[in-house]
C-alpha atoms as a PDB file:
ATOM      1  CA  UNK A   1      28.290 -36.827  28.631  1.00  0.00           C
ATOM      2  CA  UNK A   2      30.597 -39.574  29.720  1.00  0.00           C
ATOM      3  CA  UNK A   3      31.519 -41.025  26.328  1.00  0.00           C
ATOM      4  CA  UNK A   4      33.494 -43.908  27.813  1.00  0.00           C
ATOM      5  CA  UNK A   5      30.395 -45.317  29.506  1.00  0.00           C
ATOM      6  CA  UNK A   6      27.855 -44.356  26.877  1.00  0.00           C
ATOM      7  CA  UNK A   7      27.530 -46.129  23.557  1.00  0.00           C
ATOM      8  CA  UNK A   8      25.008 -43.571  22.307  1.00  0.00           C
ATOM      9  CA  UNK A   9      25.185 -39.820  21.771  1.00  0.00           C
ATOM     10  CA  UNK A  10      23.113 -37.329  23.755  1.00  0.00           C
ATOM     11  CA  UNK A  11      19.745 -37.037  21.998  1.00  0.00           C
ATOM     12  CA  UNK A  12      18.779 -33.739  20.426  1.00  0.00           C
ATOM     13  CA  UNK A  13      15.197 -32.481  20.214  1.00  0.00           C
ATOM     14  CA  UNK A  14      14.606 -33.924  16.730  1.00  0.00           C
ATOM     15  CA  UNK A  15      15.770 -37.347  17.926  1.00  0.00           C
ATOM     16  CA  UNK A  16      13.590 -37.046  21.007  1.00  0.00           C
ATOM     17  CA  UNK A  17      10.541 -36.228  18.891  1.00  0.00           C
ATOM     18  CA  UNK A  18      11.274 -39.234  16.682  1.00  0.00           C
ATOM     19  CA  UNK A  19      11.607 -41.463  19.784  1.00  0.00           C
ATOM     20  CA  UNK A  20       8.332 -40.160  21.212  1.00  0.00           C
ATOM     21  CA  UNK A  21       6.540 -40.774  17.934  1.00  0.00           C
ATOM     22  CA  UNK A  22       8.096 -44.221  17.438  1.00  0.00           C
ATOM     23  CA  UNK A  23       7.173 -45.230  20.998  1.00  0.00           C
ATOM     24  CA  UNK A  24       3.584 -44.066  20.562  1.00  0.00           C
ATOM     25  CA  UNK A  25       4.087 -41.108  22.903  1.00  0.00           C
ATOM     26  CA  UNK A  26       2.346 -38.468  20.793  1.00  0.00           C
ATOM     27  CA  UNK A  27       0.511 -37.354  23.952  1.00  0.00           C
ATOM     28  CA  UNK A  28       3.853 -36.192  25.354  1.00  0.00           C
ATOM     29  CA  UNK A  29       4.420 -34.097  22.240  1.00  0.00           C
ATOM     30  CA  UNK A  30       0.927 -32.654  22.563  1.00  0.00           C
ATOM     31  CA  UNK A  31       1.544 -31.763  26.208  1.00  0.00           C
ATOM     32  CA  UNK A  32       4.874 -30.058  25.451  1.00  0.00           C
ATOM     33  CA  UNK A  33       3.181 -28.122  22.658  1.00  0.00           C
ATOM     34  CA  UNK A  34       0.240 -27.147  24.916  1.00  0.00           C
ATOM     35  CA  UNK A  35       2.536 -25.670  27.567  1.00  0.00           C
ATOM     36  CA  UNK A  36       4.683 -23.941  24.947  1.00  0.00           C
ATOM     37  CA  UNK A  37       7.939 -25.820  25.545  1.00  0.00           C
ATOM     38  CA  UNK A  38       8.194 -28.010  22.442  1.00  0.00           C
ATOM     39  CA  UNK A  39      10.681 -25.755  20.653  1.00  0.00           C
ATOM     40  CA  UNK A  40      12.701 -24.610  23.676  1.00  0.00           C
ATOM     41  CA  UNK A  41      16.492 -24.938  23.464  1.00  0.00           C
ATOM     42  CA  UNK A  42      18.508 -26.818  26.073  1.00  0.00           C
ATOM     43  CA  UNK A  43      15.992 -29.649  26.436  1.00  0.00           C
ATOM     44  CA  UNK A  44      16.873 -33.254  27.205  1.00  0.00           C
ATOM     45  CA  UNK A  45      14.370 -36.088  26.831  1.00  0.00           C
ATOM     46  CA  UNK A  46      14.950 -39.316  28.755  1.00  0.00           C
ATOM     47  CA  UNK A  47      13.240 -42.179  26.976  1.00  0.00           C
ATOM     48  CA  UNK A  48      12.346 -45.292  29.000  1.00  0.00           C
ATOM     49  CA  UNK A  49      13.613 -47.506  26.179  1.00  0.00           C
ATOM     50  CA  UNK A  50      17.059 -45.881  25.910  1.00  0.00           C
ATOM     51  CA  UNK A  51      19.802 -45.717  28.518  1.00  0.00           C
ATOM     52  CA  UNK A  52      22.173 -42.788  28.586  1.00  0.00           C
ATOM     53  CA  UNK A  53      24.908 -41.923  31.046  1.00  0.00           C
ATOM     54  CA  UNK A  54      25.428 -38.274  31.882  1.00  0.00           C
ATOM     55  CA  UNK A  55      27.913 -36.462  34.057  1.00  0.00           C
ATOM     56  CA  UNK A  56      26.613 -33.800  36.417  1.00  0.00           C
ATOM     57  CA  UNK A  57      28.235 -31.210  34.153  1.00  0.00           C
ATOM     58  CA  UNK A  58      25.991 -32.336  31.261  1.00  0.00           C
ATOM     59  CA  UNK A  59      22.858 -31.605  33.276  1.00  0.00           C
ATOM     60  CA  UNK A  60      23.959 -28.374  34.956  1.00  0.00           C
ATOM     61  CA  UNK A  61      23.239 -26.249  31.860  1.00  0.00           C
ATOM     62  CA  UNK A  62      19.849 -27.793  31.077  1.00  0.00           C
ATOM     63  CA  UNK A  63      16.745 -25.647  31.046  1.00  0.00           C
ATOM     64  CA  UNK A  64      14.279 -28.529  30.593  1.00  0.00           C
ATOM     65  CA  UNK A  65      14.476 -32.231  31.467  1.00  0.00           C
ATOM     66  CA  UNK A  66      11.677 -34.454  30.169  1.00  0.00           C
ATOM     67  CA  UNK A  67      11.333 -37.907  31.712  1.00  0.00           C
ATOM     68  CA  UNK A  68       9.070 -40.106  29.562  1.00  0.00           C
ATOM     69  CA  UNK A  69       8.987 -42.962  32.082  1.00  0.00           C
ATOM     70  CA  UNK A  70       5.898 -42.783  34.288  1.00  0.00           C
ATOM     71  CA  UNK A  71       6.750 -41.868  37.860  1.00  0.00           C
ATOM     72  CA  UNK A  72       4.674 -44.903  38.919  1.00  0.00           C
ATOM     73  CA  UNK A  73       7.381 -47.116  37.397  1.00  0.00           C
ATOM     74  CA  UNK A  74      10.485 -45.420  38.828  1.00  0.00           C
ATOM     75  CA  UNK A  75      11.911 -47.879  41.363  1.00  0.00           C
ATOM     76  CA  UNK A  76      13.696 -45.455  43.677  1.00  0.00           C
ATOM     77  CA  UNK A  77      11.604 -42.353  43.133  1.00  0.00           C
ATOM     78  CA  UNK A  78      12.835 -40.455  46.199  1.00  0.00           C
ATOM     79  CA  UNK A  79      16.479 -40.967  45.243  1.00  0.00           C
ATOM     80  CA  UNK A  80      15.765 -40.058  41.597  1.00  0.00           C
ATOM     81  CA  UNK A  81      14.008 -36.800  42.538  1.00  0.00           C
ATOM     82  CA  UNK A  82      16.626 -35.890  45.142  1.00  0.00           C
ATOM     83  CA  UNK A  83      19.390 -36.297  42.552  1.00  0.00           C
ATOM     84  CA  UNK A  84      17.477 -34.227  39.995  1.00  0.00           C
ATOM     85  CA  UNK A  85      16.963 -31.445  42.524  1.00  0.00           C
ATOM     86  CA  UNK A  86      20.646 -31.466  43.426  1.00  0.00           C
ATOM     87  CA  UNK A  87      21.970 -31.614  39.849  1.00  0.00           C
ATOM     88  CA  UNK A  88      19.531 -29.491  37.829  1.00  0.00           C
ATOM     89  CA  UNK A  89      20.162 -25.757  37.893  1.00  0.00           C
ATOM     90  CA  UNK A  90      17.777 -23.462  39.786  1.00  0.00           C
ATOM     91  CA  UNK A  91      14.634 -22.674  37.787  1.00  0.00           C
ATOM     92  CA  UNK A  92      15.172 -25.679  35.471  1.00  0.00           C
ATOM     93  CA  UNK A  93      11.963 -27.393  34.404  1.00  0.00           C
ATOM     94  CA  UNK A  94      11.295 -31.072  35.085  1.00  0.00           C
ATOM     95  CA  UNK A  95       8.474 -32.540  33.016  1.00  0.00           C
ATOM     96  CA  UNK A  96       7.043 -36.023  33.372  1.00  0.00           C
ATOM     97  CA  UNK A  97       3.926 -38.121  33.654  1.00  0.00           C
ATOM     98  CA  UNK A  98       2.198 -40.666  35.850  1.00  0.00           C
ATOM     99  CA  UNK A  99      -0.947 -42.767  35.965  1.00  0.00           C
ATOM    100  CA  UNK A 100      -3.417 -41.237  38.387  1.00  0.00           C
ATOM    101  CA  UNK A 101      -5.174 -44.207  40.000  1.00  0.00           C
ATOM    102  CA  UNK A 102      -8.604 -42.526  40.084  1.00  0.00           C
ATOM    103  CA  UNK A 103      -8.338 -41.011  36.600  1.00  0.00           C
ATOM    104  CA  UNK A 104      -7.065 -44.278  35.148  1.00  0.00           C
ATOM    105  CA  UNK A 105     -10.033 -46.234  36.541  1.00  0.00           C
ATOM    106  CA  UNK A 106     -12.508 -43.680  35.180  1.00  0.00           C
ATOM    107  CA  UNK A 107     -10.745 -43.618  31.794  1.00  0.00           C
ATOM    108  CA  UNK A 108     -10.762 -47.442  31.563  1.00  0.00           C
ATOM    109  CA  UNK A 109     -14.465 -47.652  32.443  1.00  0.00           C
ATOM    110  CA  UNK A 110     -15.338 -44.917  29.943  1.00  0.00           C
ATOM    111  CA  UNK A 111     -13.404 -46.655  27.154  1.00  0.00           C
ATOM    112  CA  UNK A 112     -14.484 -50.214  28.041  1.00  0.00           C
ATOM    113  CA  UNK A 113     -11.121 -51.548  29.228  1.00  0.00           C
ATOM    114  CA  UNK A 114     -10.820 -54.144  31.963  1.00  0.00           C
ATOM    115  CA  UNK A 115      -9.468 -53.109  35.341  1.00  0.00           C
ATOM    116  CA  UNK A 116      -6.017 -54.561  34.709  1.00  0.00           C
ATOM    117  CA  UNK A 117      -5.848 -56.217  38.148  1.00  0.00           C
ATOM    118  CA  UNK A 118      -5.194 -59.624  36.592  1.00  0.00           C
ATOM    119  CA  UNK A 119      -2.399 -58.237  34.421  1.00  0.00           C
ATOM    120  CA  UNK A 120      -0.917 -56.460  37.437  1.00  0.00           C
ATOM    121  CA  UNK A 121      -1.018 -59.717  39.431  1.00  0.00           C
ATOM    122  CA  UNK A 122       0.751 -61.582  36.626  1.00  0.00           C
ATOM    123  CA  UNK A 123       3.425 -58.857  36.436  1.00  0.00           C
ATOM    124  CA  UNK A 124       3.969 -59.127  40.202  1.00  0.00           C
ATOM    125  CA  UNK A 125       4.222 -62.908  39.954  1.00  0.00           C
ATOM    126  CA  UNK A 126       7.014 -62.708  37.362  1.00  0.00           C
ATOM    127  CA  UNK A 127       8.913 -59.961  39.168  1.00  0.00           C
ATOM    128  CA  UNK A 128       8.151 -57.029  36.911  1.00  0.00           C
ATOM    129  CA  UNK A 129       8.136 -53.552  38.415  1.00  0.00           C
ATOM    130  CA  UNK A 130       4.807 -52.919  40.040  1.00  0.00           C
ATOM    131  CA  UNK A 131       3.087 -49.660  39.369  1.00  0.00           C
ATOM    132  CA  UNK A 132       2.896 -47.481  42.452  1.00  0.00           C
ATOM    133  CA  UNK A 133      -0.524 -45.970  43.059  1.00  0.00           C
ATOM    134  CA  UNK A 134      -0.376 -42.218  42.612  1.00  0.00           C
ATOM    135  CA  UNK A 135      -2.674 -39.227  42.492  1.00  0.00           C
ATOM    136  CA  UNK A 136      -2.191 -35.610  41.508  1.00  0.00           C
ATOM    137  CA  UNK A 137      -2.100 -34.627  45.176  1.00  0.00           C
ATOM    138  CA  UNK A 138       0.479 -37.301  46.039  1.00  0.00           C
ATOM    139  CA  UNK A 139       2.731 -36.370  43.097  1.00  0.00           C
ATOM    140  CA  UNK A 140       2.476 -32.672  44.000  1.00  0.00           C
ATOM    141  CA  UNK A 141       3.492 -33.480  47.581  1.00  0.00           C
ATOM    142  CA  UNK A 142       6.392 -35.720  46.508  1.00  0.00           C
ATOM    143  CA  UNK A 143       7.721 -33.109  44.093  1.00  0.00           C
ATOM    144  CA  UNK A 144       7.355 -30.332  46.683  1.00  0.00           C
ATOM    145  CA  UNK A 145       9.216 -32.443  49.257  1.00  0.00           C
ATOM    146  CA  UNK A 146      12.110 -32.733  46.801  1.00  0.00           C
ATOM    147  CA  UNK A 147      12.276 -29.032  45.923  1.00  0.00           C
ATOM    148  CA  UNK A 148      10.069 -28.812  42.845  1.00  0.00           C
ATOM    149  CA  UNK A 149       7.077 -26.530  42.351  1.00  0.00           C
ATOM    150  CA  UNK A 150       4.207 -27.677  40.124  1.00  0.00           C
ATOM    151  CA  UNK A 151       3.544 -25.216  37.301  1.00  0.00           C
ATOM    152  CA  UNK A 152       0.943 -27.290  35.436  1.00  0.00           C
ATOM    153  CA  UNK A 153      -0.747 -30.677  35.645  1.00  0.00           C
ATOM    154  CA  UNK A 154      -2.985 -31.943  32.820  1.00  0.00           C
ATOM    155  CA  UNK A 155      -4.606 -35.254  31.927  1.00  0.00           C
ATOM    156  CA  UNK A 156      -4.411 -36.450  28.318  1.00  0.00           C
ATOM    157  CA  UNK A 157      -5.923 -39.805  27.319  1.00  0.00           C
ATOM    158  CA  UNK A 158      -5.792 -41.263  30.814  1.00  0.00           C
ATOM    159  CA  UNK A 159      -2.221 -40.165  31.618  1.00  0.00           C
ATOM    160  CA  UNK A 160      -1.456 -37.166  33.826  1.00  0.00           C
ATOM    161  CA  UNK A 161       1.397 -34.934  32.672  1.00  0.00           C
ATOM    162  CA  UNK A 162       3.123 -32.406  34.911  1.00  0.00           C
ATOM    163  CA  UNK A 163       5.466 -29.474  34.517  1.00  0.00           C
ATOM    164  CA  UNK A 164       7.494 -28.582  37.578  1.00  0.00           C
ATOM    165  CA  UNK A 165      10.336 -26.204  38.326  1.00  0.00           C
ATOM    166  CA  UNK A 166      13.394 -26.660  40.517  1.00  0.00           C
ATOM    167  CA  UNK A 167      13.033 -24.008  43.235  1.00  0.00           C
ATOM    168  CA  UNK A 168      16.557 -24.446  44.607  1.00  0.00           C
ATOM    169  CA  UNK A 169      18.346 -21.139  45.087  1.00  0.00           C
ATOM    170  CA  UNK A 170      21.633 -20.337  43.363  1.00  0.00           C
ATOM    171  CA  UNK A 171      24.749 -20.700  45.470  1.00  0.00           C
END
């Protein structure tokens, strides 16, 4: 990690679990447990509320990278995924989540929530990041385009979680 540019240390798994719990992201913990990766070594969790700066060398030895920010909210998704593919070692796992437009609508109707169109319009008006519409098929295609293979995709409480693997070959 580039210590000159980073005021915070690299998070370990215990810290990551505390962040997930504090941020109300217990569903992420459940997903990692369900796929059997919760206790794996060499895991790095990127929290949307924390900003860390890593050198390529920090990420080259990772086995698992967990991105807690929904893909719908990543501004430059293509660039982000391209960089991950290039930097992560072959066979490294990339785990994340997104809001599936169809699943989200069904979940909101089932649980009596409003559609959120008004809130989305207000966010757009004030310049907040707009949520890109995504589906399981679209995310699978995007990840495949950038060199990742989907291993698992599961919906938990209206959010779709995915586990993918970098299929880049060793040099």
